[in-house]
Amino acid sequence: PEQFASYATAAARWMRHETDAPLLFAPMNEMSFLA
């Protein structure tokens, strides 16, 4: 969970640098199907 959170932090910082638009994320696609 912390590894994923660190990656998410890096992604948000990168995207905040790339755009001024509102940030929209889907953190995990279909947890139920993947499980």
ModelCIF file with pLDDT and N, C-alpha, C, O atoms, coordinates in Angstrom:
data_MODEL
#
_entry.id   MODEL 
#
_entity.id                         1 
_entity.type                       polymer 
_entity.pdbx_number_of_molecules   1 
#
_entity_poly.entity_id                      1 
_entity_poly.type                           'polypeptide(L)' 
_entity_poly.nstd_linkage                   no 
_entity_poly.nstd_monomer                   no 
_entity_poly.pdbx_seq_one_letter_code       PEQFASYATAAARWMRHETDAPLLFAPMNEMSFLA 
_entity_poly.pdbx_seq_one_letter_code_can   PEQFASYATAAARWMRHETDAPLLFAPMNEMSFLA 
_entity_poly.pdbx_strand_id                 A 
#
loop_
_entity_poly_seq.entity_id 
_entity_poly_seq.num 
_entity_poly_seq.mon_id 
_entity_poly_seq.hetero 
1 1  PRO n 
1 2  GLU n 
1 3  GLN n 
1 4  PHE n 
1 5  ALA n 
1 6  SER n 
1 7  TYR n 
1 8  ALA n 
1 9  THR n 
1 10 ALA n 
1 11 ALA n 
1 12 ALA n 
1 13 ARG n 
1 14 TRP n 
1 15 MET n 
1 16 ARG n 
1 17 HIS n 
1 18 GLU n 
1 19 THR n 
1 20 ASP n 
1 21 ALA n 
1 22 PRO n 
1 23 LEU n 
1 24 LEU n 
1 25 PHE n 
1 26 ALA n 
1 27 PRO n 
1 28 MET n 
1 29 ASN n 
1 30 GLU n 
1 31 MET n 
1 32 SER n 
1 33 PHE n 
1 34 LEU n 
1 35 ALA n 
#
_struct_asym.id          A 
_struct_asym.entity_id   1 
#
loop_
_ma_qa_metric.id 
_ma_qa_metric.mode 
_ma_qa_metric.name 
_ma_qa_metric.software_group_id 
_ma_qa_metric.type 
1 global pLDDT . pLDDT 
2 local  pLDDT . pLDDT 
#
_ma_qa_metric_global.metric_id      1 
_ma_qa_metric_global.metric_value   96.71 
_ma_qa_metric_global.model_id       1 
_ma_qa_metric_global.ordinal_id     1 
#
loop_
_ma_qa_metric_local.label_asym_id 
_ma_qa_metric_local.label_comp_id 
_ma_qa_metric_local.label_seq_id 
_ma_qa_metric_local.metric_id 
_ma_qa_metric_local.metric_value 
_ma_qa_metric_local.model_id 
_ma_qa_metric_local.ordinal_id 
A PRO 1  2 98.00 1 1  
A GLU 2  2 98.00 1 2  
A GLN 3  2 98.00 1 3  
A PHE 4  2 98.00 1 4  
A ALA 5  2 98.00 1 5  
A SER 6  2 98.00 1 6  
A TYR 7  2 98.00 1 7  
A ALA 8  2 98.00 1 8  
A THR 9  2 98.00 1 9  
A ALA 10 2 98.00 1 10 
A ALA 11 2 98.00 1 11 
A ALA 12 2 98.00 1 12 
A ARG 13 2 98.00 1 13 
A TRP 14 2 98.00 1 14 
A MET 15 2 97.00 1 15 
A ARG 16 2 95.00 1 16 
A HIS 17 2 94.00 1 17 
A GLU 18 2 94.00 1 18 
A THR 19 2 93.00 1 19 
A ASP 20 2 90.00 1 20 
A ALA 21 2 90.00 1 21 
A PRO 22 2 90.00 1 22 
A LEU 23 2 96.00 1 23 
A LEU 24 2 97.00 1 24 
A PHE 25 2 98.00 1 25 
A ALA 26 2 98.00 1 26 
A PRO 27 2 98.00 1 27 
A MET 28 2 97.00 1 28 
A ASN 29 2 98.00 1 29 
A GLU 30 2 98.00 1 30 
A MET 31 2 98.00 1 31 
A SER 32 2 98.00 1 32 
A PHE 33 2 98.00 1 33 
A LEU 34 2 98.00 1 34 
A ALA 35 2 98.00 1 35 
#
loop_
_atom_site.group_PDB 
_atom_site.id 
_atom_site.type_symbol 
_atom_site.label_atom_id 
_atom_site.label_alt_id 
_atom_site.label_comp_id 
_atom_site.label_asym_id 
_atom_site.label_entity_id 
_atom_site.label_seq_id 
_atom_site.pdbx_PDB_ins_code 
_atom_site.Cartn_x 
_atom_site.Cartn_y 
_atom_site.Cartn_z 
_atom_site.occupancy 
_atom_site.B_iso_or_equiv 
_atom_site.pdbx_formal_charge 
_atom_site.auth_seq_id 
_atom_site.auth_comp_id 
_atom_site.auth_asym_id 
_atom_site.auth_atom_id 
_atom_site.pdbx_PDB_model_num 
ATOM 1   N N  . PRO A 1 1  ? 0.813   -1.226  0.000   1.00 98.00 ? 1  PRO A N  1 
ATOM 2   C CA . PRO A 1 1  ? 0.000   0.000   0.000   1.00 98.00 ? 1  PRO A CA 1 
ATOM 3   C C  . PRO A 1 1  ? 0.843   1.272   0.000   1.00 98.00 ? 1  PRO A C  1 
ATOM 4   O O  . PRO A 1 1  ? 0.497   2.244   -0.671  1.00 98.00 ? 1  PRO A O  1 
ATOM 5   N N  . GLU A 1 2  ? 1.942   1.272   0.744   1.00 98.00 ? 2  GLU A N  1 
ATOM 6   C CA . GLU A 1 2  ? 2.791   2.466   0.776   1.00 98.00 ? 2  GLU A CA 1 
ATOM 7   C C  . GLU A 1 2  ? 3.567   2.628   -0.537  1.00 98.00 ? 2  GLU A C  1 
ATOM 8   O O  . GLU A 1 2  ? 3.812   3.751   -0.976  1.00 98.00 ? 2  GLU A O  1 
ATOM 9   N N  . GLN A 1 3  ? 3.949   1.520   -1.157  1.00 98.00 ? 3  GLN A N  1 
ATOM 10  C CA . GLN A 1 3  ? 4.601   1.604   -2.464  1.00 98.00 ? 3  GLN A CA 1 
ATOM 11  C C  . GLN A 1 3  ? 3.666   2.244   -3.483  1.00 98.00 ? 3  GLN A C  1 
ATOM 12  O O  . GLN A 1 3  ? 4.072   3.094   -4.276  1.00 98.00 ? 3  GLN A O  1 
ATOM 13  N N  . PHE A 1 4  ? 2.420   1.821   -3.447  1.00 98.00 ? 4  PHE A N  1 
ATOM 14  C CA . PHE A 1 4  ? 1.452   2.375   -4.387  1.00 98.00 ? 4  PHE A CA 1 
ATOM 15  C C  . PHE A 1 4  ? 1.185   3.848   -4.081  1.00 98.00 ? 4  PHE A C  1 
ATOM 16  O O  . PHE A 1 4  ? 1.041   4.654   -5.000  1.00 98.00 ? 4  PHE A O  1 
ATOM 17  N N  . ALA A 1 5  ? 1.119   4.200   -2.809  1.00 98.00 ? 5  ALA A N  1 
ATOM 18  C CA . ALA A 1 5  ? 0.909   5.598   -2.432  1.00 98.00 ? 5  ALA A CA 1 
ATOM 19  C C  . ALA A 1 5  ? 2.070   6.483   -2.865  1.00 98.00 ? 5  ALA A C  1 
ATOM 20  O O  . ALA A 1 5  ? 1.857   7.620   -3.285  1.00 98.00 ? 5  ALA A O  1 
ATOM 21  N N  . SER A 1 6  ? 3.298   5.974   -2.768  1.00 98.00 ? 6  SER A N  1 
ATOM 22  C CA . SER A 1 6  ? 4.464   6.746   -3.210  1.00 98.00 ? 6  SER A CA 1 
ATOM 23  C C  . SER A 1 6  ? 4.411   6.984   -4.714  1.00 98.00 ? 6  SER A C  1 
ATOM 24  O O  . SER A 1 6  ? 4.700   8.083   -5.187  1.00 98.00 ? 6  SER A O  1 
ATOM 25  N N  . TYR A 1 7  ? 4.046   5.967   -5.446  1.00 98.00 ? 7  TYR A N  1 
ATOM 26  C CA . TYR A 1 7  ? 3.872   6.107   -6.900  1.00 98.00 ? 7  TYR A CA 1 
ATOM 27  C C  . TYR A 1 7  ? 2.755   7.103   -7.213  1.00 98.00 ? 7  TYR A C  1 
ATOM 28  O O  . TYR A 1 7  ? 2.897   7.929   -8.115  1.00 98.00 ? 7  TYR A O  1 
ATOM 29  N N  . ALA A 1 8  ? 1.645   7.032   -6.474  1.00 98.00 ? 8  ALA A N  1 
ATOM 30  C CA . ALA A 1 8  ? 0.533   7.955   -6.686  1.00 98.00 ? 8  ALA A CA 1 
ATOM 31  C C  . ALA A 1 8  ? 0.958   9.400   -6.417  1.00 98.00 ? 8  ALA A C  1 
ATOM 32  O O  . ALA A 1 8  ? 0.555   10.312  -7.139  1.00 98.00 ? 8  ALA A O  1 
ATOM 33  N N  . THR A 1 9  ? 1.764   9.605   -5.386  1.00 98.00 ? 9  THR A N  1 
ATOM 34  C CA . THR A 1 9  ? 2.283   10.945  -5.090  1.00 98.00 ? 9  THR A CA 1 
ATOM 35  C C  . THR A 1 9  ? 3.111   11.463  -6.257  1.00 98.00 ? 9  THR A C  1 
ATOM 36  O O  . THR A 1 9  ? 2.942   12.605  -6.685  1.00 98.00 ? 9  THR A O  1 
ATOM 37  N N  . ALA A 1 10 ? 4.002   10.627  -6.769  1.00 98.00 ? 10 ALA A N  1 
ATOM 38  C CA . ALA A 1 10 ? 4.846   11.028  -7.898  1.00 98.00 ? 10 ALA A CA 1 
ATOM 39  C C  . ALA A 1 10 ? 3.995   11.344  -9.122  1.00 98.00 ? 10 ALA A C  1 
ATOM 40  O O  . ALA A 1 10 ? 4.272   12.309  -9.834  1.00 98.00 ? 10 ALA A O  1 
ATOM 41  N N  . ALA A 1 11 ? 2.960   10.538  -9.373  1.00 98.00 ? 11 ALA A N  1 
ATOM 42  C CA . ALA A 1 11 ? 2.087   10.767  -10.521 1.00 98.00 ? 11 ALA A CA 1 
ATOM 43  C C  . ALA A 1 11 ? 1.334   12.081  -10.389 1.00 98.00 ? 11 ALA A C  1 
ATOM 44  O O  . ALA A 1 11 ? 1.219   12.829  -11.361 1.00 98.00 ? 11 ALA A O  1 
ATOM 45  N N  . ALA A 1 12 ? 0.821   12.371  -9.205  1.00 98.00 ? 12 ALA A N  1 
ATOM 46  C CA . ALA A 1 12 ? 0.083   13.611  -8.992  1.00 98.00 ? 12 ALA A CA 1 
ATOM 47  C C  . ALA A 1 12 ? 0.992   14.823  -9.155  1.00 98.00 ? 12 ALA A C  1 
ATOM 48  O O  . ALA A 1 12 ? 0.593   15.822  -9.754  1.00 98.00 ? 12 ALA A O  1 
ATOM 49  N N  . ARG A 1 13 ? 2.209   14.744  -8.629  1.00 98.00 ? 13 ARG A N  1 
ATOM 50  C CA . ARG A 1 13 ? 3.148   15.864  -8.781  1.00 98.00 ? 13 ARG A CA 1 
ATOM 51  C C  . ARG A 1 13 ? 3.516   16.078  -10.244 1.00 98.00 ? 13 ARG A C  1 
ATOM 52  O O  . ARG A 1 13 ? 3.586   17.211  -10.719 1.00 98.00 ? 13 ARG A O  1 
ATOM 53  N N  . TRP A 1 14 ? 3.749   14.980  -10.948 1.00 98.00 ? 14 TRP A N  1 
ATOM 54  C CA . TRP A 1 14 ? 4.080   15.086  -12.372 1.00 98.00 ? 14 TRP A CA 1 
ATOM 55  C C  . TRP A 1 14 ? 2.917   15.689  -13.152 1.00 98.00 ? 14 TRP A C  1 
ATOM 56  O O  . TRP A 1 14 ? 3.111   16.582  -13.977 1.00 98.00 ? 14 TRP A O  1 
ATOM 57  N N  . MET A 1 15 ? 1.711   15.197  -12.887 1.00 97.00 ? 15 MET A N  1 
ATOM 58  C CA . MET A 1 15 ? 0.558   15.697  -13.626 1.00 97.00 ? 15 MET A CA 1 
ATOM 59  C C  . MET A 1 15 ? 0.257   17.150  -13.273 1.00 97.00 ? 15 MET A C  1 
ATOM 60  O O  . MET A 1 15 ? -0.164  17.922  -14.134 1.00 97.00 ? 15 MET A O  1 
ATOM 61  N N  . ARG A 1 16 ? 0.469   17.527  -12.016 1.00 95.00 ? 16 ARG A N  1 
ATOM 62  C CA . ARG A 1 16 ? 0.248   18.912  -11.624 1.00 95.00 ? 16 ARG A CA 1 
ATOM 63  C C  . ARG A 1 16 ? 1.209   19.837  -12.354 1.00 95.00 ? 16 ARG A C  1 
ATOM 64  O O  . ARG A 1 16 ? 0.887   20.996  -12.615 1.00 95.00 ? 16 ARG A O  1 
ATOM 65  N N  . HIS A 1 17 ? 2.396   19.321  -12.685 1.00 94.00 ? 17 HIS A N  1 
ATOM 66  C CA . HIS A 1 17 ? 3.371   20.094  -13.449 1.00 94.00 ? 17 HIS A CA 1 
ATOM 67  C C  . HIS A 1 17 ? 2.987   20.172  -14.922 1.00 94.00 ? 17 HIS A C  1 
ATOM 68  O O  . HIS A 1 17 ? 3.298   21.156  -15.594 1.00 94.00 ? 17 HIS A O  1 
ATOM 69  N N  . GLU A 1 18 ? 2.302   19.125  -15.435 1.00 94.00 ? 18 GLU A N  1 
ATOM 70  C CA . GLU A 1 18 ? 1.977   19.048  -16.865 1.00 94.00 ? 18 GLU A CA 1 
ATOM 71  C C  . GLU A 1 18 ? 0.718   19.825  -17.244 1.00 94.00 ? 18 GLU A C  1 
ATOM 72  O O  . GLU A 1 18 ? 0.565   20.219  -18.400 1.00 94.00 ? 18 GLU A O  1 
ATOM 73  N N  . THR A 1 19 ? -0.179  20.049  -16.295 1.00 93.00 ? 19 THR A N  1 
ATOM 74  C CA . THR A 1 19 ? -1.453  20.671  -16.645 1.00 93.00 ? 19 THR A CA 1 
ATOM 75  C C  . THR A 1 19 ? -1.991  21.511  -15.497 1.00 93.00 ? 19 THR A C  1 
ATOM 76  O O  . THR A 1 19 ? -1.713  21.246  -14.328 1.00 93.00 ? 19 THR A O  1 
ATOM 77  N N  . ASP A 1 20 ? -2.761  22.522  -15.849 1.00 90.00 ? 20 ASP A N  1 
ATOM 78  C CA . ASP A 1 20 ? -3.479  23.314  -14.858 1.00 90.00 ? 20 ASP A CA 1 
ATOM 79  C C  . ASP A 1 20 ? -4.911  22.820  -14.680 1.00 90.00 ? 20 ASP A C  1 
ATOM 80  O O  . ASP A 1 20 ? -5.647  23.329  -13.835 1.00 90.00 ? 20 ASP A O  1 
ATOM 81  N N  . ALA A 1 21 ? -5.304  21.826  -15.481 1.00 90.00 ? 21 ALA A N  1 
ATOM 82  C CA . ALA A 1 21 ? -6.672  21.308  -15.424 1.00 90.00 ? 21 ALA A CA 1 
ATOM 83  C C  . ALA A 1 21 ? -6.894  20.534  -14.126 1.00 90.00 ? 21 ALA A C  1 
ATOM 84  O O  . ALA A 1 21 ? -5.933  20.075  -13.509 1.00 90.00 ? 21 ALA A O  1 
ATOM 85  N N  . PRO A 1 22 ? -8.137  20.385  -13.712 1.00 90.00 ? 22 PRO A N  1 
ATOM 86  C CA . PRO A 1 22 ? -8.429  19.574  -12.518 1.00 90.00 ? 22 PRO A CA 1 
ATOM 87  C C  . PRO A 1 22 ? -7.894  18.159  -12.691 1.00 90.00 ? 22 PRO A C  1 
ATOM 88  O O  . PRO A 1 22 ? -7.952  17.602  -13.787 1.00 90.00 ? 22 PRO A O  1 
ATOM 89  N N  . LEU A 1 23 ? -7.378  17.579  -11.619 1.00 96.00 ? 23 LEU A N  1 
ATOM 90  C CA . LEU A 1 23 ? -6.830  16.236  -11.674 1.00 96.00 ? 23 LEU A CA 1 
ATOM 91  C C  . LEU A 1 23 ? -7.914  15.204  -11.402 1.00 96.00 ? 23 LEU A C  1 
ATOM 92  O O  . LEU A 1 23 ? -8.656  15.295  -10.424 1.00 96.00 ? 23 LEU A O  1 
ATOM 93  N N  . LEU A 1 24 ? -7.986  14.217  -12.296 1.00 97.00 ? 24 LEU A N  1 
ATOM 94  C CA . LEU A 1 24 ? -8.943  13.123  -12.176 1.00 97.00 ? 24 LEU A CA 1 
ATOM 95  C C  . LEU A 1 24 ? -8.170  11.807  -12.242 1.00 97.00 ? 24 LEU A C  1 
ATOM 96  O O  . LEU A 1 24 ? -7.424  11.565  -13.191 1.00 97.00 ? 24 LEU A O  1 
ATOM 97  N N  . PHE A 1 25 ? -8.354  10.962  -11.234 1.00 98.00 ? 25 PHE A N  1 
ATOM 98  C CA . PHE A 1 25 ? -7.639  9.695   -11.195 1.00 98.00 ? 25 PHE A CA 1 
ATOM 99  C C  . PHE A 1 25 ? -8.607  8.539   -10.945 1.00 98.00 ? 25 PHE A C  1 
ATOM 100 O O  . PHE A 1 25 ? -9.585  8.670   -10.210 1.00 98.00 ? 25 PHE A O  1 
ATOM 101 N N  . ALA A 1 26 ? -8.304  7.408   -11.577 1.00 98.00 ? 26 ALA A N  1 
ATOM 102 C CA . ALA A 1 26 ? -8.905  6.128   -11.221 1.00 98.00 ? 26 ALA A CA 1 
ATOM 103 C C  . ALA A 1 26 ? -7.769  5.294   -10.636 1.00 98.00 ? 26 ALA A C  1 
ATOM 104 O O  . ALA A 1 26 ? -7.024  4.669   -11.390 1.00 98.00 ? 26 ALA A O  1 
ATOM 105 N N  . PRO A 1 27 ? -7.618  5.268   -9.317  1.00 98.00 ? 27 PRO A N  1 
ATOM 106 C CA . PRO A 1 27 ? -6.433  4.628   -8.732  1.00 98.00 ? 27 PRO A CA 1 
ATOM 107 C C  . PRO A 1 27 ? -6.280  3.158   -9.107  1.00 98.00 ? 27 PRO A C  1 
ATOM 108 O O  . PRO A 1 27 ? -5.201  2.733   -9.521  1.00 98.00 ? 27 PRO A O  1 
ATOM 109 N N  . MET A 1 28 ? -7.347  2.383   -8.967  1.00 97.00 ? 28 MET A N  1 
ATOM 110 C CA . MET A 1 28 ? -7.302  0.951   -9.265  1.00 97.00 ? 28 MET A CA 1 
ATOM 111 C C  . MET A 1 28 ? -8.483  0.588   -10.156 1.00 97.00 ? 28 MET A C  1 
ATOM 112 O O  . MET A 1 28 ? -9.634  0.829   -9.793  1.00 97.00 ? 28 MET A O  1 
ATOM 113 N N  . ASN A 1 29 ? -8.204  0.017   -11.309 1.00 98.00 ? 29 ASN A N  1 
ATOM 114 C CA . ASN A 1 29 ? -9.299  -0.417  -12.174 1.00 98.00 ? 29 ASN A CA 1 
ATOM 115 C C  . ASN A 1 29 ? -9.819  -1.777  -11.738 1.00 98.00 ? 29 ASN A C  1 
ATOM 116 O O  . ASN A 1 29 ? -9.061  -2.743  -11.644 1.00 98.00 ? 29 ASN A O  1 
ATOM 117 N N  . GLU A 1 30 ? -11.099 -1.844  -11.477 1.00 98.00 ? 30 GLU A N  1 
ATOM 118 C CA . GLU A 1 30 ? -11.800 -3.101  -11.199 1.00 98.00 ? 30 GLU A CA 1 
ATOM 119 C C  . GLU A 1 30 ? -11.099 -3.990  -10.165 1.00 98.00 ? 30 GLU A C  1 
ATOM 120 O O  . GLU A 1 30 ? -10.607 -5.071  -10.489 1.00 98.00 ? 30 GLU A O  1 
ATOM 121 N N  . MET A 1 31 ? -11.065 -3.519  -8.933  1.00 98.00 ? 31 MET A N  1 
ATOM 122 C CA . MET A 1 31 ? -10.481 -4.327  -7.867  1.00 98.00 ? 31 MET A CA 1 
ATOM 123 C C  . MET A 1 31 ? -11.163 -5.695  -7.768  1.00 98.00 ? 31 MET A C  1 
ATOM 124 O O  . MET A 1 31 ? -10.501 -6.701  -7.510  1.00 98.00 ? 31 MET A O  1 
ATOM 125 N N  . SER A 1 32 ? -12.465 -5.734  -7.969  1.00 98.00 ? 32 SER A N  1 
ATOM 126 C CA . SER A 1 32 ? -13.195 -6.997  -7.848  1.00 98.00 ? 32 SER A CA 1 
ATOM 127 C C  . SER A 1 32 ? -12.774 -7.993  -8.912  1.00 98.00 ? 32 SER A C  1 
ATOM 128 O O  . SER A 1 32 ? -12.539 -9.164  -8.610  1.00 98.00 ? 32 SER A O  1 
ATOM 129 N N  . PHE A 1 33 ? -12.676 -7.537  -10.159 1.00 98.00 ? 33 PHE A N  1 
ATOM 130 C CA . PHE A 1 33 ? -12.272 -8.445  -11.237 1.00 98.00 ? 33 PHE A CA 1 
ATOM 131 C C  . PHE A 1 33 ? -10.832 -8.903  -11.044 1.00 98.00 ? 33 PHE A C  1 
ATOM 132 O O  . PHE A 1 33 ? -10.529 -10.083 -11.218 1.00 98.00 ? 33 PHE A O  1 
ATOM 133 N N  . LEU A 1 34 ? -9.945  -7.980  -10.688 1.00 98.00 ? 34 LEU A N  1 
ATOM 134 C CA . LEU A 1 34 ? -8.549  -8.337  -10.487 1.00 98.00 ? 34 LEU A CA 1 
ATOM 135 C C  . LEU A 1 34 ? -8.393  -9.325  -9.329  1.00 98.00 ? 34 LEU A C  1 
ATOM 136 O O  . LEU A 1 34 ? -7.586  -10.252 -9.403  1.00 98.00 ? 34 LEU A O  1 
ATOM 137 N N  . ALA A 1 35 ? -9.164  -9.124  -8.266  1.00 98.00 ? 35 ALA A N  1 
ATOM 138 C CA . ALA A 1 35 ? -9.095  -10.048 -7.130  1.00 98.00 ? 35 ALA A CA 1 
ATOM 139 C C  . ALA A 1 35 ? -9.509  -11.447 -7.543  1.00 98.00 ? 35 ALA A C  1 
ATOM 140 O O  . ALA A 1 35 ? -9.512  -12.359 -6.717  1.00 98.00 ? 35 ALA A O  1 
#
